[in-house]
Amino acid sequence: MMLRAIFAILTLACSLPLAARDLEIYWIDVEGGGATLIITPNGQSLLVDTGNPGPDDRDPKRIFAAAQAAGLKKIDYLFTTHYHGDHAGGTPALSKMIPIGQYFDHGDSIEGQGRGAQIWDGYKSVATGKRTQVRPGMKLPLKDVDAVVVSSNAEVIPAAINGGGVNPFCMNATPKAADTTENQRSAGFLLTYGKFKFLDLGDLTWDMEMQLACPINKLGAVTLFQATHHGFFGDQSGFPPHVLALKPQVVVVNNGPTKGWQNSAWETVQKIQGLEDTWQIHRAIGPNRDHNTGADLIANPEPTDQCKGNWIKATIEKNGKFTLTNGRNGFKKSYTSR
């Protein structure tokens, strides 16, 4: 009888569904490049970009360490926003450290010659046969969350989503000439988990942001915004009517010590209605050194890129509460999705 009872208990335990985890997002320090790791409540993983190449594989090693910290044995999906070295350069080395299932990208590189050839060829060497070209409106195959592609290959979604509508900030919009680099082709997506909404647009440029924002704000309001182009690098990104219409509660900046997050970026973000906080991967020490967020909200305060590479992590609960953690000092701050 006792053996039957034990067997019954074990059978019941094995049949119960695994408890769902919280949605997790890691911003990995790849020194002014891109590497954002997302783990869904059912354990699926989406890595957005792989940082820089390098003789010591610094960035892939940091991504692998974050994947291990998250308990991952593989990366289910790699989403490459575009093929500049600081976003796609780490792909070949990372693929040797951890299995990567499927690759999403905007299509072939438009800079596959000259200096861009090495990065493009390296990406193709591991992604060929496992690539899917994403297009605006396409949904990524993630369970428990809704992730829709909003930009790709110099196109954006044709109609407003997420409650978007007429954008009042477009009245004095200033256009810029179309960008002709890989940045303009950046694939981006809006991820929704209940009331929580996360936007990542890679290095999308001013001209494409304008198409997303004016005269119609096609993306509505978001909860957490990864500041485009490492904090509107060189004013190539950060079209103010776009940034202001998003009305994020929190902005995370994947900048480097002297890359991105210049004065104009800081000034634009500070005008966002309802902004609660800005978090930075690095303390900025360039011309905008007087425009940094609070010390506890900066993961890497060192004045050079020779740092420990601390991450920032967001943990999002199903009820809309989300907490950001500084990997350097363990500082945490919680917010409630509006």
Protein backbone atom coordinates (compact mmCIF):
# COMPACT_ATOMS: atom_id res chain seq x y z
CA MET A 1 0.00 0.00 0.00
CA MET A 2 2.79 2.40 0.91
CA LEU A 3 4.58 1.75 -2.39
CA ARG A 4 1.36 2.39 -4.29
CA ALA A 5 0.87 5.66 -2.42
CA ILE A 6 4.42 6.80 -3.17
CA PHE A 7 4.01 5.86 -6.83
CA ALA A 8 0.74 7.79 -7.01
CA ILE A 9 2.36 10.90 -5.50
CA LEU A 10 5.31 10.73 -7.90
CA THR A 11 2.99 10.25 -10.86
CA LEU A 12 0.93 13.29 -9.83
CA ALA A 13 4.04 15.41 -9.32
CA CYS A 14 5.37 14.53 -12.77
CA SER A 15 2.06 15.38 -14.40
CA LEU A 16 1.80 18.85 -12.84
CA PRO A 17 2.84 21.73 -15.10
CA LEU A 18 6.07 23.53 -14.25
CA ALA A 19 5.55 26.79 -12.40
CA ALA A 20 5.88 29.75 -14.76
CA ARG A 21 8.78 32.08 -14.11
CA ASP A 22 8.66 35.84 -14.39
CA LEU A 23 9.56 37.50 -17.66
CA GLU A 24 13.24 38.49 -17.51
CA ILE A 25 15.29 40.93 -19.58
CA TYR A 26 19.07 41.32 -19.29
CA TRP A 27 20.97 44.23 -20.80
CA ILE A 28 24.47 42.87 -21.21
CA ASP A 29 27.43 45.23 -21.30
CA VAL A 30 29.06 44.87 -24.70
CA GLU A 31 30.75 48.27 -24.48
CA GLY A 32 28.41 50.41 -26.51
CA GLY A 33 27.13 47.57 -28.66
CA GLY A 34 23.88 45.60 -28.49
CA ALA A 35 23.04 42.45 -26.53
CA THR A 36 19.67 42.09 -24.83
CA LEU A 37 18.62 38.69 -23.49
CA ILE A 38 14.91 37.94 -22.94
CA ILE A 39 13.60 34.86 -21.12
CA THR A 40 9.83 34.33 -21.32
CA PRO A 41 7.72 32.94 -18.44
CA ASN A 42 7.76 29.47 -20.01
CA GLY A 43 11.54 29.52 -20.39
CA GLN A 44 11.98 30.41 -24.07
CA SER A 45 14.98 32.61 -24.81
CA LEU A 46 15.38 35.43 -27.32
CA LEU A 47 18.77 37.11 -27.64
CA VAL A 48 18.78 40.44 -29.46
CA ASP A 49 22.24 41.03 -31.01
CA THR A 50 25.62 39.64 -30.01
CA GLY A 51 27.90 42.60 -29.43
CA ASN A 52 31.37 43.12 -30.86
CA PRO A 53 33.90 40.68 -32.29
CA GLY A 54 37.34 40.54 -30.73
CA PRO A 55 40.42 38.40 -30.32
CA ASP A 56 39.47 37.47 -26.74
CA ASP A 57 35.72 37.04 -27.44
CA ARG A 58 34.93 39.43 -24.61
CA ASP A 59 31.34 40.14 -25.63
CA PRO A 60 30.28 36.56 -26.46
CA LYS A 61 31.78 35.48 -23.11
CA ARG A 62 29.69 38.09 -21.29
CA ILE A 63 26.55 36.99 -23.12
CA PHE A 64 27.29 33.35 -22.31
CA ALA A 65 27.78 34.24 -18.63
CA ALA A 66 24.39 36.00 -18.57
CA ALA A 67 22.76 32.98 -20.25
CA GLN A 68 24.27 30.73 -17.57
CA ALA A 69 23.06 33.06 -14.82
CA ALA A 70 19.57 32.76 -16.33
CA GLY A 71 19.83 28.95 -16.30
CA LEU A 72 19.85 28.56 -20.08
CA LYS A 73 21.35 25.60 -21.93
CA LYS A 74 20.65 27.10 -25.37
CA ILE A 75 19.46 30.25 -27.09
CA ASP A 76 16.18 29.45 -28.81
CA TYR A 77 16.15 32.51 -31.05
CA LEU A 78 18.74 35.08 -32.06
CA PHE A 79 17.20 38.33 -33.34
CA THR A 80 19.82 40.38 -35.21
CA THR A 81 18.69 43.97 -35.64
CA HIS A 82 21.35 44.76 -38.29
CA TYR A 83 24.84 43.75 -39.33
CA HIS A 84 27.14 46.35 -37.86
CA GLY A 85 30.01 44.86 -35.90
CA ASP A 86 28.78 46.01 -32.49
CA HIS A 87 25.48 44.15 -33.00
CA ALA A 88 26.37 41.06 -35.04
CA GLY A 89 30.12 40.68 -34.61
CA GLY A 90 29.95 38.23 -31.72
CA THR A 91 27.68 35.72 -33.46
CA PRO A 92 30.24 33.16 -34.70
CA ALA A 93 32.07 32.96 -31.36
CA LEU A 94 28.85 32.79 -29.33
CA SER A 95 27.52 29.94 -31.48
CA LYS A 96 30.54 27.87 -30.35
CA MET A 97 29.75 28.51 -26.67
CA ILE A 98 26.02 27.79 -26.62
CA PRO A 99 23.62 26.28 -29.19
CA ILE A 100 21.50 28.79 -31.12
CA GLY A 101 18.25 27.43 -32.57
CA GLN A 102 16.86 29.89 -35.10
CA TYR A 103 18.05 33.21 -36.50
CA PHE A 104 15.80 36.20 -37.23
CA ASP A 105 17.10 39.16 -39.27
CA HIS A 106 16.02 41.86 -41.74
CA GLY A 107 17.38 40.04 -44.77
CA ASP A 108 20.78 40.30 -46.46
CA SER A 109 23.25 43.00 -45.50
CA ILE A 110 23.46 46.13 -47.65
CA GLU A 111 27.05 46.60 -46.41
CA GLY A 112 28.32 43.14 -47.32
CA GLN A 113 31.31 44.55 -49.16
CA GLY A 114 34.47 46.20 -47.88
CA ARG A 115 34.64 46.62 -44.11
CA GLY A 116 31.21 45.08 -43.60
CA ALA A 117 32.07 41.86 -45.44
CA GLN A 118 33.81 40.16 -42.53
CA ILE A 119 30.87 40.66 -40.15
CA TRP A 120 28.32 39.61 -42.78
CA ASP A 121 30.32 36.55 -43.81
CA GLY A 122 30.78 35.52 -40.19
CA TYR A 123 27.06 35.77 -39.53
CA LYS A 124 26.21 33.75 -42.64
CA SER A 125 28.73 31.07 -41.71
CA VAL A 126 26.62 30.02 -38.72
CA ALA A 127 23.11 31.24 -39.65
CA THR A 128 22.70 29.92 -43.19
CA GLY A 129 19.89 27.38 -43.34
CA LYS A 130 18.40 28.60 -40.04
CA ARG A 131 17.50 32.18 -41.00
CA THR A 132 14.05 33.78 -41.15
CA GLN A 133 13.62 37.26 -42.60
CA VAL A 134 11.27 39.30 -40.44
CA ARG A 135 8.83 41.86 -41.79
CA PRO A 136 6.75 44.54 -40.07
CA GLY A 137 3.62 43.00 -38.59
CA MET A 138 5.13 39.54 -38.18
CA LYS A 139 4.86 37.98 -34.72
CA LEU A 140 7.78 36.17 -33.15
CA PRO A 141 7.09 32.57 -32.02
CA LEU A 142 7.22 33.29 -28.29
CA LYS A 143 4.69 31.85 -25.85
CA ASP A 144 3.12 33.80 -22.96
CA VAL A 145 4.15 37.12 -24.53
CA ASP A 146 3.19 38.97 -27.71
CA ALA A 147 6.17 40.18 -29.74
CA VAL A 148 5.40 41.94 -33.00
CA VAL A 149 8.00 43.21 -35.47
CA VAL A 150 7.49 46.94 -36.06
CA SER A 151 10.45 47.76 -38.33
CA SER A 152 12.67 45.82 -40.70
CA ASN A 153 14.67 46.42 -43.88
CA ALA A 154 13.72 50.12 -44.08
CA GLU A 155 9.99 49.45 -43.64
CA VAL A 156 7.68 50.01 -40.68
CA ILE A 157 4.25 48.73 -39.71
CA PRO A 158 1.57 50.32 -41.92
CA ALA A 159 -1.00 51.04 -39.21
CA ALA A 160 -1.07 51.96 -35.54
CA ILE A 161 -1.01 49.26 -32.86
CA ASN A 162 -1.07 49.34 -29.06
CA GLY A 163 -3.55 52.21 -28.90
CA GLY A 164 -1.51 54.53 -31.10
CA GLY A 165 -3.10 57.50 -32.83
CA VAL A 166 -2.61 61.11 -33.89
CA ASN A 167 0.66 62.41 -32.47
CA PRO A 168 0.44 65.95 -31.05
CA PHE A 169 4.24 66.23 -30.86
CA CYS A 170 4.54 66.25 -34.67
CA MET A 171 3.59 69.90 -35.08
CA ASN A 172 7.20 71.13 -35.30
CA ALA A 173 8.82 67.92 -36.53
CA THR A 174 12.18 68.32 -38.24
CA PRO A 175 12.93 65.74 -40.95
CA LYS A 176 16.36 64.47 -41.90
CA ALA A 177 17.65 62.90 -45.08
CA ALA A 178 17.20 59.14 -45.39
CA ASP A 179 20.01 57.13 -43.85
CA THR A 180 21.70 54.76 -46.30
CA THR A 181 23.49 52.42 -43.87
CA GLU A 182 22.58 49.20 -42.11
CA ASN A 183 21.23 51.30 -39.22
CA GLN A 184 18.21 52.30 -41.30
CA ARG A 185 17.46 48.61 -41.91
CA SER A 186 17.29 47.81 -38.19
CA ALA A 187 14.68 45.25 -37.23
CA GLY A 188 12.77 46.19 -34.09
CA PHE A 189 9.90 44.79 -32.08
CA LEU A 190 7.34 45.61 -29.41
CA LEU A 191 6.95 42.95 -26.72
CA THR A 192 3.82 42.89 -24.56
CA TYR A 193 3.27 40.92 -21.35
CA GLY A 194 -0.01 42.01 -19.77
CA LYS A 195 0.28 45.74 -19.09
CA PHE A 196 4.07 45.68 -19.53
CA LYS A 197 5.35 46.76 -22.96
CA PHE A 198 9.00 46.73 -24.03
CA LEU A 199 10.34 48.39 -27.19
CA ASP A 200 13.70 47.61 -28.85
CA LEU A 201 14.46 49.20 -32.23
CA GLY A 202 18.19 48.48 -32.51
CA ASP A 203 19.89 51.44 -34.20
CA LEU A 204 16.87 52.62 -36.18
CA THR A 205 17.48 56.04 -37.66
CA TRP A 206 15.71 59.41 -37.46
CA ASP A 207 14.03 59.08 -40.87
CA MET A 208 12.49 55.71 -39.95
CA GLU A 209 11.48 56.89 -36.47
CA MET A 210 9.62 59.72 -38.18
CA GLN A 211 7.65 57.16 -40.21
CA LEU A 212 6.71 55.43 -36.95
CA ALA A 213 5.67 58.67 -35.28
CA CYS A 214 4.22 61.25 -37.66
CA PRO A 215 1.53 62.12 -38.24
CA ILE A 216 0.36 58.94 -36.49
CA ASN A 217 2.14 57.45 -33.51
CA LYS A 218 2.05 53.82 -34.65
CA LEU A 219 3.40 52.31 -31.43
CA GLY A 220 1.29 53.85 -28.68
CA ALA A 221 2.78 54.17 -25.19
CA VAL A 222 5.33 51.73 -23.80
CA THR A 223 6.48 50.79 -20.32
CA LEU A 224 10.20 50.29 -20.87
CA PHE A 225 12.14 51.72 -23.79
CA GLN A 226 15.65 50.64 -24.73
CA ALA A 227 17.01 53.96 -25.95
CA THR A 228 17.57 53.54 -29.67
CA HIS A 229 21.11 53.59 -31.06
CA HIS A 230 22.87 53.48 -27.66
CA GLY A 231 21.18 56.68 -26.57
CA PHE A 232 20.53 58.40 -29.91
CA PHE A 233 24.17 58.15 -31.02
CA GLY A 234 25.40 61.28 -32.79
CA ASP A 235 21.84 62.59 -33.24
CA GLN A 236 21.36 59.97 -35.97
CA SER A 237 18.41 58.69 -33.94
CA GLY A 238 16.11 60.05 -31.25
CA PHE A 239 13.48 61.89 -33.29
CA PRO A 240 11.81 63.84 -30.44
CA PRO A 241 8.13 63.42 -31.48
CA HIS A 242 8.74 59.66 -31.57
CA VAL A 243 10.46 59.48 -28.18
CA LEU A 244 7.96 61.77 -26.47
CA ALA A 245 4.91 59.96 -27.88
CA LEU A 246 6.15 56.62 -26.52
CA LYS A 247 5.86 57.98 -22.95
CA PRO A 248 8.00 55.24 -21.37
CA GLN A 249 8.05 54.95 -17.60
CA VAL A 250 11.64 53.71 -17.67
CA VAL A 251 14.43 54.13 -20.22
CA VAL A 252 17.46 51.80 -20.33
CA VAL A 253 20.53 53.06 -22.22
CA ASN A 254 23.05 50.54 -23.59
CA ASN A 255 25.77 53.16 -24.00
CA GLY A 256 29.55 53.02 -23.71
CA PRO A 257 31.77 55.33 -21.65
CA THR A 258 32.12 57.73 -24.59
CA LYS A 259 29.58 56.29 -27.05
CA GLY A 260 25.99 57.48 -27.26
CA TRP A 261 23.87 59.33 -24.70
CA GLN A 262 25.01 62.80 -25.64
CA ASN A 263 23.52 66.03 -24.27
CA SER A 264 20.65 66.19 -26.76
CA ALA A 265 19.62 62.62 -25.90
CA TRP A 266 19.51 63.40 -22.20
CA GLU A 267 17.51 66.56 -22.82
CA THR A 268 14.95 64.77 -25.02
CA VAL A 269 14.43 61.95 -22.53
CA GLN A 270 13.99 64.35 -19.61
CA LYS A 271 11.00 65.88 -21.44
CA ILE A 272 9.08 62.59 -21.48
CA GLN A 273 5.79 62.93 -19.64
CA GLY A 274 5.56 60.48 -16.75
CA LEU A 275 9.18 59.29 -16.96
CA GLU A 276 10.13 57.64 -13.67
CA ASP A 277 13.77 56.67 -14.20
CA THR A 278 16.65 56.27 -16.63
CA TRP A 279 19.16 53.42 -16.20
CA GLN A 280 22.57 53.34 -17.92
CA ILE A 281 24.93 50.49 -18.73
CA HIS A 282 27.86 52.95 -18.43
CA ARG A 283 28.55 56.25 -16.77
CA ALA A 284 29.02 58.67 -19.64
CA ILE A 285 32.35 60.49 -19.55
CA GLY A 286 32.25 62.23 -22.94
CA PRO A 287 30.81 65.70 -23.64
CA ASN A 288 27.68 64.75 -21.67
CA ARG A 289 29.56 63.78 -18.50
CA ASP A 290 27.39 66.17 -16.47
CA HIS A 291 24.22 64.40 -17.66
CA ASN A 292 24.27 61.01 -15.96
CA THR A 293 21.53 59.31 -14.00
CA GLY A 294 21.89 58.42 -10.31
CA ALA A 295 24.93 56.32 -9.37
CA ASP A 296 22.84 53.36 -8.21
CA LEU A 297 21.22 53.18 -11.66
CA ILE A 298 24.55 52.88 -13.54
CA ALA A 299 25.93 49.36 -13.99
CA ASN A 300 29.51 50.29 -14.91
CA PRO A 301 30.95 53.53 -13.48
CA GLU A 302 34.55 52.99 -14.64
CA PRO A 303 36.03 55.67 -16.93
CA THR A 304 37.16 53.12 -19.55
CA ASP A 305 35.75 50.08 -21.34
CA GLN A 306 38.08 47.84 -19.31
CA CYS A 307 35.43 47.09 -16.72
CA LYS A 308 33.73 44.04 -15.25
CA GLY A 309 30.86 44.24 -17.71
CA ASN A 310 27.99 44.36 -15.22
CA TRP A 311 24.46 43.89 -16.53
CA ILE A 312 21.08 45.46 -15.76
CA LYS A 313 18.18 43.06 -15.30
CA ALA A 314 14.41 43.57 -15.37
CA THR A 315 12.09 41.06 -13.72
CA ILE A 316 8.46 41.46 -14.79
CA GLU A 317 5.59 39.85 -12.91
CA LYS A 318 2.29 38.92 -14.53
CA ASN A 319 0.45 41.54 -12.46
CA GLY A 320 2.46 44.34 -14.10
CA LYS A 321 4.96 44.97 -11.33
CA PHE A 322 8.52 45.04 -12.60
CA THR A 323 11.84 45.39 -10.83
CA LEU A 324 15.17 46.52 -12.24
CA THR A 325 18.38 45.26 -10.66
CA ASN A 326 21.90 46.64 -11.01
CA GLY A 327 24.30 43.71 -11.45
CA ARG A 328 27.15 45.76 -9.98
CA ASN A 329 25.75 46.49 -6.54
CA GLY A 330 22.48 44.56 -6.31
CA PHE A 331 20.46 47.80 -6.10
CA LYS A 332 16.80 47.18 -6.95
CA LYS A 333 13.90 49.44 -7.75
CA SER A 334 10.33 48.38 -8.49
CA TYR A 335 7.69 49.99 -10.69
CA THR A 336 4.09 49.30 -11.66
CA SER A 337 3.11 49.16 -15.33
CA ARG A 338 0.52 51.78 -16.21
